[in-house]
Each structure stands twice: as structure tokens, then as C-alpha cells.
Amino acid sequence: TLKLVLLSVLLVWNLLVLCAYGLDKARLFDIRDGFLEGIIIADSDFGGIGAFLGGKLFRHKINKWYFKLCWLMGIVIDVVILYLILTRLSD
């Protein structure tokens, strides 16, 4: 169903963002700050929760105010998207 597809896309995108934080922290793949911000807020932001968890889990980018702002905006957008998917779409 459409609801399941959208929920899967949201989950996969958040996992990709979480992995990007881990790779960047481990310096296996150097990601510029602007690129990470772009990932976080890209395409109506599907990655706010993954970015927040990546920051906390890997203790990465936690002292930069603009990342905290992006995380907050991303989490709000993710929650709104989840609400819309779960309440507005029929099975």
C-alpha cells in the first residue's frame, strides 16, 4: 500500500542519514558540513530523526548550533510527515 511505501522511504532515508553521520565521524568518508546539512534538510527533509540520532550516537556535530537547528527542523518535519501518513492515508 501507499502508506507502507511512504513509511519505508522515511525509514530508509533516516537510516542513510544516520550512516552518513557514522561514516563522517569515523573519517571513512569525509563529508563537508554543508553537504551534511543538505542531506538533513533535503527534499522536504526525510532525515531529521536519523540526523539527530546520528549526532547523539556518534557524538558528531553536537556543538554546532546550525546542526542543532537543522535537527530540530528535521524532527518537526518528520513528525508532521509521519502524522500525515498515519492519519490521512487509508490502507
N, C-alpha and C. Protein backbone atom coordinates (compact mmCIF):
# COMPACT_ATOMS: atom_id res chain seq x y z
N THR A 1 0.83 -1.19 0.00
CA THR A 1 0.00 0.00 0.00
C THR A 1 0.88 1.25 0.00
N LEU A 2 0.27 2.37 -0.33
CA LEU A 2 0.99 3.63 -0.36
C LEU A 2 1.53 4.01 1.01
N LYS A 3 0.75 3.75 2.04
CA LYS A 3 1.19 4.07 3.40
C LYS A 3 2.47 3.32 3.75
N LEU A 4 2.53 2.05 3.43
CA LEU A 4 3.70 1.24 3.72
C LEU A 4 4.92 1.71 2.93
N VAL A 5 4.72 2.06 1.67
CA VAL A 5 5.81 2.56 0.84
C VAL A 5 6.37 3.86 1.41
N LEU A 6 5.50 4.78 1.78
CA LEU A 6 5.96 6.06 2.32
C LEU A 6 6.66 5.89 3.66
N LEU A 7 6.14 5.03 4.50
CA LEU A 7 6.81 4.76 5.78
C LEU A 7 8.19 4.12 5.55
N SER A 8 8.28 3.24 4.56
CA SER A 8 9.56 2.60 4.24
C SER A 8 10.57 3.61 3.73
N VAL A 9 10.12 4.52 2.87
CA VAL A 9 11.00 5.57 2.35
C VAL A 9 11.51 6.44 3.49
N LEU A 10 10.64 6.81 4.40
CA LEU A 10 11.02 7.63 5.55
C LEU A 10 12.05 6.90 6.41
N LEU A 11 11.84 5.63 6.66
CA LEU A 11 12.76 4.84 7.46
C LEU A 11 14.12 4.69 6.77
N VAL A 12 14.12 4.35 5.49
CA VAL A 12 15.37 4.15 4.76
C VAL A 12 16.17 5.45 4.69
N TRP A 13 15.50 6.56 4.41
CA TRP A 13 16.21 7.83 4.32
C TRP A 13 16.85 8.19 5.67
N ASN A 14 16.12 7.98 6.76
CA ASN A 14 16.68 8.27 8.08
C ASN A 14 17.86 7.36 8.40
N LEU A 15 17.80 6.11 7.98
CA LEU A 15 18.93 5.20 8.19
C LEU A 15 20.14 5.62 7.37
N LEU A 16 19.92 6.09 6.15
CA LEU A 16 21.03 6.57 5.32
C LEU A 16 21.69 7.79 5.95
N VAL A 17 20.90 8.69 6.48
CA VAL A 17 21.46 9.88 7.14
C VAL A 17 22.23 9.47 8.38
N LEU A 18 21.69 8.54 9.15
CA LEU A 18 22.39 8.02 10.34
C LEU A 18 23.74 7.42 9.94
N CYS A 19 23.76 6.63 8.88
CA CYS A 19 25.01 6.04 8.39
C CYS A 19 25.99 7.10 7.91
N ALA A 20 25.49 8.16 7.28
CA ALA A 20 26.36 9.23 6.81
C ALA A 20 27.07 9.89 7.99
N TYR A 21 26.37 10.08 9.09
CA TYR A 21 26.99 10.64 10.29
C TYR A 21 28.08 9.70 10.82
N GLY A 22 27.78 8.41 10.86
CA GLY A 22 28.76 7.44 11.35
C GLY A 22 30.00 7.39 10.49
N LEU A 23 29.82 7.38 9.16
CA LEU A 23 30.96 7.35 8.25
C LEU A 23 31.80 8.62 8.36
N ASP A 24 31.12 9.75 8.49
CA ASP A 24 31.84 11.01 8.62
C ASP A 24 32.62 11.06 9.93
N LYS A 25 32.02 10.61 11.01
CA LYS A 25 32.69 10.62 12.31
C LYS A 25 33.91 9.69 12.30
N ALA A 26 33.78 8.55 11.66
CA ALA A 26 34.88 7.59 11.60
C ALA A 26 35.94 8.03 10.59
N ARG A 27 35.65 9.10 9.87
CA ARG A 27 36.54 9.64 8.85
C ARG A 27 36.82 8.63 7.73
N LEU A 28 35.87 7.72 7.56
CA LEU A 28 35.98 6.78 6.44
C LEU A 28 35.55 7.46 5.15
N PHE A 29 34.73 8.47 5.31
CA PHE A 29 34.20 9.19 4.17
C PHE A 29 34.00 10.63 4.63
N ASP A 30 34.88 11.53 4.21
CA ASP A 30 34.84 12.91 4.69
C ASP A 30 33.71 13.67 4.01
N ILE A 31 32.78 14.11 4.81
CA ILE A 31 31.61 14.83 4.30
C ILE A 31 31.70 16.27 4.80
N ARG A 32 31.58 17.21 3.90
CA ARG A 32 31.63 18.62 4.28
C ARG A 32 30.36 18.98 5.05
N ASP A 33 30.48 19.95 5.96
CA ASP A 33 29.33 20.35 6.78
C ASP A 33 28.13 20.75 5.93
N GLY A 34 28.36 21.51 4.89
CA GLY A 34 27.26 21.95 4.03
C GLY A 34 26.54 20.79 3.38
N PHE A 35 27.28 19.75 3.02
CA PHE A 35 26.67 18.58 2.40
C PHE A 35 25.80 17.84 3.42
N LEU A 36 26.32 17.69 4.65
CA LEU A 36 25.51 17.04 5.69
C LEU A 36 24.24 17.83 5.96
N GLU A 37 24.35 19.15 6.03
CA GLU A 37 23.16 19.98 6.24
C GLU A 37 22.18 19.76 5.10
N GLY A 38 22.71 19.68 3.89
CA GLY A 38 21.85 19.44 2.73
C GLY A 38 21.14 18.11 2.80
N ILE A 39 21.86 17.09 3.27
CA ILE A 39 21.23 15.78 3.43
C ILE A 39 20.11 15.86 4.46
N ILE A 40 20.38 16.58 5.55
CA ILE A 40 19.40 16.66 6.64
C ILE A 40 18.12 17.32 6.18
N ILE A 41 18.22 18.40 5.43
CA ILE A 41 17.01 19.14 5.07
C ILE A 41 16.61 18.94 3.60
N ALA A 42 17.17 17.94 2.96
CA ALA A 42 16.90 17.70 1.54
C ALA A 42 15.47 17.22 1.31
N ASP A 43 14.94 17.67 0.20
CA ASP A 43 13.65 17.18 -0.31
C ASP A 43 12.59 17.07 0.78
N SER A 44 12.22 18.16 1.34
CA SER A 44 11.21 18.24 2.40
C SER A 44 11.63 17.48 3.65
N ASP A 45 12.87 17.24 3.76
CA ASP A 45 13.52 16.61 4.91
C ASP A 45 12.88 15.32 5.38
N PHE A 46 13.47 14.25 4.95
CA PHE A 46 13.10 12.94 5.48
C PHE A 46 14.13 12.44 6.47
N GLY A 47 15.13 13.25 6.82
CA GLY A 47 16.24 12.73 7.60
C GLY A 47 16.47 13.34 8.96
N GLY A 48 15.54 14.10 9.47
CA GLY A 48 15.75 14.79 10.74
C GLY A 48 15.97 13.87 11.93
N ILE A 49 15.22 12.82 12.00
CA ILE A 49 15.35 11.89 13.13
C ILE A 49 16.67 11.13 13.02
N GLY A 50 17.02 10.67 11.83
CA GLY A 50 18.29 9.98 11.63
C GLY A 50 19.48 10.88 11.92
N ALA A 51 19.37 12.15 11.53
CA ALA A 51 20.46 13.10 11.80
C ALA A 51 20.62 13.34 13.29
N PHE A 52 19.51 13.53 13.97
CA PHE A 52 19.57 13.74 15.42
C PHE A 52 20.19 12.53 16.12
N LEU A 53 19.71 11.33 15.75
CA LEU A 53 20.24 10.11 16.36
C LEU A 53 21.71 9.92 16.01
N GLY A 54 22.09 10.23 14.78
CA GLY A 54 23.49 10.12 14.38
C GLY A 54 24.38 11.08 15.16
N GLY A 55 23.89 12.28 15.36
CA GLY A 55 24.65 13.25 16.14
C GLY A 55 24.84 12.80 17.57
N LYS A 56 23.79 12.30 18.18
CA LYS A 56 23.87 11.86 19.57
C LYS A 56 24.65 10.55 19.71
N LEU A 57 24.37 9.59 18.84
CA LEU A 57 25.01 8.28 18.92
C LEU A 57 26.52 8.37 18.68
N PHE A 58 26.89 9.13 17.66
CA PHE A 58 28.30 9.22 17.30
C PHE A 58 28.99 10.46 17.90
N ARG A 59 28.23 11.23 18.69
CA ARG A 59 28.73 12.47 19.28
C ARG A 59 29.41 13.31 18.21
N HIS A 60 28.65 13.55 17.15
CA HIS A 60 29.17 14.21 15.97
C HIS A 60 28.34 15.45 15.66
N LYS A 61 29.01 16.57 15.51
CA LYS A 61 28.39 17.84 15.17
C LYS A 61 27.47 18.34 16.29
N ILE A 62 27.70 17.91 17.52
CA ILE A 62 26.79 18.27 18.61
C ILE A 62 27.04 19.66 19.17
N ASN A 63 28.16 20.28 18.84
CA ASN A 63 28.46 21.61 19.37
C ASN A 63 28.18 22.71 18.36
N LYS A 64 27.66 22.37 17.21
CA LYS A 64 27.41 23.36 16.17
C LYS A 64 25.93 23.73 16.18
N TRP A 65 25.66 25.00 16.44
CA TRP A 65 24.28 25.45 16.62
C TRP A 65 23.43 25.23 15.38
N TYR A 66 24.04 25.39 14.19
CA TYR A 66 23.24 25.25 12.98
C TYR A 66 22.85 23.80 12.73
N PHE A 67 23.63 22.84 13.22
CA PHE A 67 23.21 21.45 13.12
C PHE A 67 22.05 21.19 14.08
N LYS A 68 22.13 21.74 15.27
CA LYS A 68 21.02 21.59 16.23
C LYS A 68 19.74 22.17 15.66
N LEU A 69 19.83 23.32 14.99
CA LEU A 69 18.67 23.93 14.37
C LEU A 69 18.13 23.05 13.25
N CYS A 70 19.03 22.51 12.42
CA CYS A 70 18.60 21.60 11.34
C CYS A 70 17.94 20.36 11.91
N TRP A 71 18.50 19.82 13.00
CA TRP A 71 17.90 18.64 13.62
C TRP A 71 16.49 18.94 14.11
N LEU A 72 16.33 20.08 14.77
CA LEU A 72 15.02 20.45 15.29
C LEU A 72 14.01 20.60 14.15
N MET A 73 14.40 21.33 13.11
CA MET A 73 13.50 21.49 11.96
C MET A 73 13.19 20.14 11.33
N GLY A 74 14.21 19.30 11.19
CA GLY A 74 14.01 17.99 10.57
C GLY A 74 13.10 17.09 11.38
N ILE A 75 13.25 17.11 12.69
CA ILE A 75 12.39 16.28 13.55
C ILE A 75 10.95 16.75 13.45
N VAL A 76 10.74 18.07 13.46
CA VAL A 76 9.38 18.60 13.34
C VAL A 76 8.76 18.16 12.01
N ILE A 77 9.53 18.30 10.94
CA ILE A 77 9.03 17.90 9.62
C ILE A 77 8.76 16.40 9.57
N ASP A 78 9.66 15.59 10.12
CA ASP A 78 9.44 14.13 10.15
C ASP A 78 8.18 13.77 10.92
N VAL A 79 7.96 14.41 12.05
CA VAL A 79 6.77 14.12 12.85
C VAL A 79 5.50 14.50 12.08
N VAL A 80 5.54 15.65 11.41
CA VAL A 80 4.38 16.06 10.61
C VAL A 80 4.13 15.06 9.48
N ILE A 81 5.21 14.65 8.80
CA ILE A 81 5.06 13.67 7.72
C ILE A 81 4.52 12.35 8.25
N LEU A 82 5.05 11.88 9.38
CA LEU A 82 4.52 10.65 9.98
C LEU A 82 3.05 10.79 10.33
N TYR A 83 2.68 11.91 10.91
CA TYR A 83 1.27 12.15 11.26
C TYR A 83 0.39 12.10 10.01
N LEU A 84 0.83 12.78 8.96
CA LEU A 84 0.04 12.80 7.73
C LEU A 84 -0.08 11.41 7.11
N ILE A 85 1.02 10.67 7.10
CA ILE A 85 0.98 9.32 6.54
C ILE A 85 0.02 8.44 7.33
N LEU A 86 0.13 8.49 8.65
CA LEU A 86 -0.64 7.58 9.51
C LEU A 86 -2.11 7.96 9.63
N THR A 87 -2.43 9.25 9.49
CA THR A 87 -3.82 9.66 9.70
C THR A 87 -4.57 9.98 8.43
N ARG A 88 -3.87 10.40 7.40
CA ARG A 88 -4.56 10.87 6.19
C ARG A 88 -4.67 9.82 5.10
N LEU A 89 -3.80 8.82 5.13
CA LEU A 89 -3.85 7.81 4.08
C LEU A 89 -4.59 6.57 4.58
N SER A 90 -5.45 6.09 3.73
CA SER A 90 -6.13 4.84 4.09
C SER A 90 -5.29 3.67 3.61
N ASP A 91 -5.51 2.52 4.20
CA ASP A 91 -4.73 1.32 3.85
C ASP A 91 -5.04 0.82 2.49
